[in-house]
């Protein structure tokens, strides 16, 4: 699971901790609705800490996260199933193709 925070008054930054507790930072590129669920395409940021976010740049890494709402009404980012991942990947590729036209 991950948490998010506002960044530069526009971008949403998602902080994801791995099994060892190491945090990685991602910028929310876009949100896609597939079926009844929401998914975020998250682009990796070069920041190694919260203090470095101001000067962080996008990296080549991108991931897909499912957005679920917890009991407090807060959005949480979780791993999608393999099937959900493929559906979102296809929807995102279609979105990118349509933007190029």
C-alpha atoms as a PDB file:
ATOM      1  CA  UNK A   1       0.000   0.000   0.000  1.00  0.00           C
ATOM      2  CA  UNK A   2       1.062   3.553  -0.543  1.00  0.00           C
ATOM      3  CA  UNK A   3       0.173   7.050   0.536  1.00  0.00           C
ATOM      4  CA  UNK A   4      -0.053  10.181  -1.549  1.00  0.00           C
ATOM      5  CA  UNK A   5       0.579  13.865  -1.097  1.00  0.00           C
ATOM      6  CA  UNK A   6       0.274  17.018  -3.196  1.00  0.00           C
ATOM      7  CA  UNK A   7       3.410  18.146  -5.014  1.00  0.00           C
ATOM      8  CA  UNK A   8       3.878  21.528  -6.690  1.00  0.00           C
ATOM      9  CA  UNK A   9       0.193  22.313  -6.085  1.00  0.00           C
ATOM     10  CA  UNK A  10      -0.759  20.049  -9.021  1.00  0.00           C
ATOM     11  CA  UNK A  11       1.041  16.730  -9.097  1.00  0.00           C
ATOM     12  CA  UNK A  12       0.192  13.937  -6.734  1.00  0.00           C
ATOM     13  CA  UNK A  13       3.248  12.128  -5.371  1.00  0.00           C
ATOM     14  CA  UNK A  14       2.787   8.553  -4.219  1.00  0.00           C
ATOM     15  CA  UNK A  15       5.243   7.086  -1.731  1.00  0.00           C
ATOM     16  CA  UNK A  16       5.629   3.313  -1.961  1.00  0.00           C
ATOM     17  CA  UNK A  17       7.598   1.336   0.607  1.00  0.00           C
ATOM     18  CA  UNK A  18       9.040  -2.059  -0.304  1.00  0.00           C
ATOM     19  CA  UNK A  19       9.308  -5.071   2.029  1.00  0.00           C
ATOM     20  CA  UNK A  20      12.478  -3.608   3.595  1.00  0.00           C
ATOM     21  CA  UNK A  21      10.798  -0.267   4.317  1.00  0.00           C
ATOM     22  CA  UNK A  22      12.736   1.600   1.604  1.00  0.00           C
ATOM     23  CA  UNK A  23      10.584   4.335   0.068  1.00  0.00           C
ATOM     24  CA  UNK A  24      10.295   5.156  -3.632  1.00  0.00           C
ATOM     25  CA  UNK A  25       8.527   8.214  -5.013  1.00  0.00           C
ATOM     26  CA  UNK A  26       6.176   8.284  -7.986  1.00  0.00           C
ATOM     27  CA  UNK A  27       4.213  11.009  -9.758  1.00  0.00           C
ATOM     28  CA  UNK A  28       0.618  10.215 -10.654  1.00  0.00           C
ATOM     29  CA  UNK A  29       0.635  10.457 -14.449  1.00  0.00           C
ATOM     30  CA  UNK A  30      -3.034   9.707 -15.006  1.00  0.00           C
ATOM     31  CA  UNK A  31      -6.014   7.901 -13.546  1.00  0.00           C
ATOM     32  CA  UNK A  32      -7.948   5.427 -15.664  1.00  0.00           C
ATOM     33  CA  UNK A  33     -11.307   3.868 -14.923  1.00  0.00           C
ATOM     34  CA  UNK A  34     -11.575   0.273 -16.062  1.00  0.00           C
ATOM     35  CA  UNK A  35     -14.880  -1.352 -15.273  1.00  0.00           C
ATOM     36  CA  UNK A  36     -15.931  -0.086 -11.852  1.00  0.00           C
ATOM     37  CA  UNK A  37     -12.367   0.371 -10.597  1.00  0.00           C
ATOM     38  CA  UNK A  38      -9.854   3.237 -10.709  1.00  0.00           C
ATOM     39  CA  UNK A  39      -6.194   2.742 -11.511  1.00  0.00           C
ATOM     40  CA  UNK A  40      -3.238   5.117 -11.479  1.00  0.00           C
ATOM     41  CA  UNK A  41      -0.301   5.126 -13.851  1.00  0.00           C
ATOM     42  CA  UNK A  42       2.631   6.170 -11.648  1.00  0.00           C
ATOM     43  CA  UNK A  43       5.930   7.465 -13.070  1.00  0.00           C
ATOM     44  CA  UNK A  44       9.066   7.003 -10.968  1.00  0.00           C
ATOM     45  CA  UNK A  45      10.802  10.118  -9.634  1.00  0.00           C
ATOM     46  CA  UNK A  46      14.549  10.561  -9.138  1.00  0.00           C
ATOM     47  CA  UNK A  47      14.083  11.654  -5.513  1.00  0.00           C
ATOM     48  CA  UNK A  48      15.643   9.538  -2.798  1.00  0.00           C
ATOM     49  CA  UNK A  49      13.945  11.447   0.014  1.00  0.00           C
ATOM     50  CA  UNK A  50      11.106  13.881   0.620  1.00  0.00           C
ATOM     51  CA  UNK A  51      13.587  16.770   0.675  1.00  0.00           C
ATOM     52  CA  UNK A  52      14.674  15.954  -2.895  1.00  0.00           C
ATOM     53  CA  UNK A  53      11.151  16.031  -4.371  1.00  0.00           C
ATOM     54  CA  UNK A  54      11.333  19.706  -5.366  1.00  0.00           C
ATOM     55  CA  UNK A  55      14.101  18.986  -7.905  1.00  0.00           C
ATOM     56  CA  UNK A  56      13.049  15.447  -8.818  1.00  0.00           C
ATOM     57  CA  UNK A  57      12.758  14.446 -12.457  1.00  0.00           C
ATOM     58  CA  UNK A  58      10.733  11.687 -14.082  1.00  0.00           C
ATOM     59  CA  UNK A  59      12.495   8.376 -14.536  1.00  0.00           C
ATOM     60  CA  UNK A  60      11.839   5.719 -17.178  1.00  0.00           C
ATOM     61  CA  UNK A  61      10.071   3.447 -14.692  1.00  0.00           C
ATOM     62  CA  UNK A  62       6.280   3.425 -14.558  1.00  0.00           C
ATOM     63  CA  UNK A  63       3.927   1.192 -12.598  1.00  0.00           C
ATOM     64  CA  UNK A  64       0.179   0.628 -12.410  1.00  0.00           C
ATOM     65  CA  UNK A  65      -1.615   0.730  -9.059  1.00  0.00           C
ATOM     66  CA  UNK A  66      -5.244   0.074  -8.204  1.00  0.00           C
ATOM     67  CA  UNK A  67      -6.887   2.826  -6.166  1.00  0.00           C
ATOM     68  CA  UNK A  68      -9.125   1.603  -3.359  1.00  0.00           C
ATOM     69  CA  UNK A  69     -10.837   3.614  -0.647  1.00  0.00           C
ATOM     70  CA  UNK A  70     -10.150   2.612   2.952  1.00  0.00           C
ATOM     71  CA  UNK A  71     -12.621   2.755   5.852  1.00  0.00           C
ATOM     72  CA  UNK A  72     -11.663   6.414   6.485  1.00  0.00           C
ATOM     73  CA  UNK A  73     -12.457   7.465   2.924  1.00  0.00           C
ATOM     74  CA  UNK A  74      -8.752   7.817   2.029  1.00  0.00           C
ATOM     75  CA  UNK A  75      -7.396   6.585  -1.304  1.00  0.00           C
ATOM     76  CA  UNK A  76      -4.915   3.734  -1.032  1.00  0.00           C
ATOM     77  CA  UNK A  77      -2.760   2.379  -3.851  1.00  0.00           C
ATOM     78  CA  UNK A  78      -2.488  -1.420  -4.067  1.00  0.00           C
ATOM     79  CA  UNK A  79      -1.151  -3.950  -6.554  1.00  0.00           C
ATOM     80  CA  UNK A  80      -3.652  -4.876  -9.264  1.00  0.00           C
ATOM     81  CA  UNK A  81      -4.295  -8.490 -10.173  1.00  0.00           C
ATOM     82  CA  UNK A  82      -2.533  -9.767 -13.300  1.00  0.00           C
ATOM     83  CA  UNK A  83      -5.815  -9.551 -15.218  1.00  0.00           C
ATOM     84  CA  UNK A  84      -6.470  -5.975 -14.035  1.00  0.00           C
ATOM     85  CA  UNK A  85      -2.900  -4.997 -14.931  1.00  0.00           C
ATOM     86  CA  UNK A  86      -3.328  -6.226 -18.517  1.00  0.00           C
ATOM     87  CA  UNK A  87      -6.678  -4.442 -18.918  1.00  0.00           C
ATOM     88  CA  UNK A  88      -5.237  -1.156 -17.632  1.00  0.00           C
ATOM     89  CA  UNK A  89      -2.079  -1.498 -19.732  1.00  0.00           C
ATOM     90  CA  UNK A  90      -4.207  -1.907 -22.870  1.00  0.00           C
ATOM     91  CA  UNK A  91      -6.441   1.034 -21.913  1.00  0.00           C
ATOM     92  CA  UNK A  92      -3.385   3.248 -21.276  1.00  0.00           C
ATOM     93  CA  UNK A  93      -1.777   2.287 -24.598  1.00  0.00           C
ATOM     94  CA  UNK A  94      -5.048   3.134 -26.371  1.00  0.00           C
ATOM     95  CA  UNK A  95      -5.152   6.493 -24.575  1.00  0.00           C
ATOM     96  CA  UNK A  96      -1.599   7.270 -25.709  1.00  0.00           C
ATOM     97  CA  UNK A  97      -2.420   6.295 -29.299  1.00  0.00           C
ATOM     98  CA  UNK A  98      -5.463   8.595 -29.309  1.00  0.00           C
ATOM     99  CA  UNK A  99      -3.379  11.491 -27.949  1.00  0.00           C
ATOM    100  CA  UNK A 100      -0.917  11.093 -30.814  1.00  0.00           C
ATOM    101  CA  UNK A 101      -3.681  11.452 -33.445  1.00  0.00           C
END
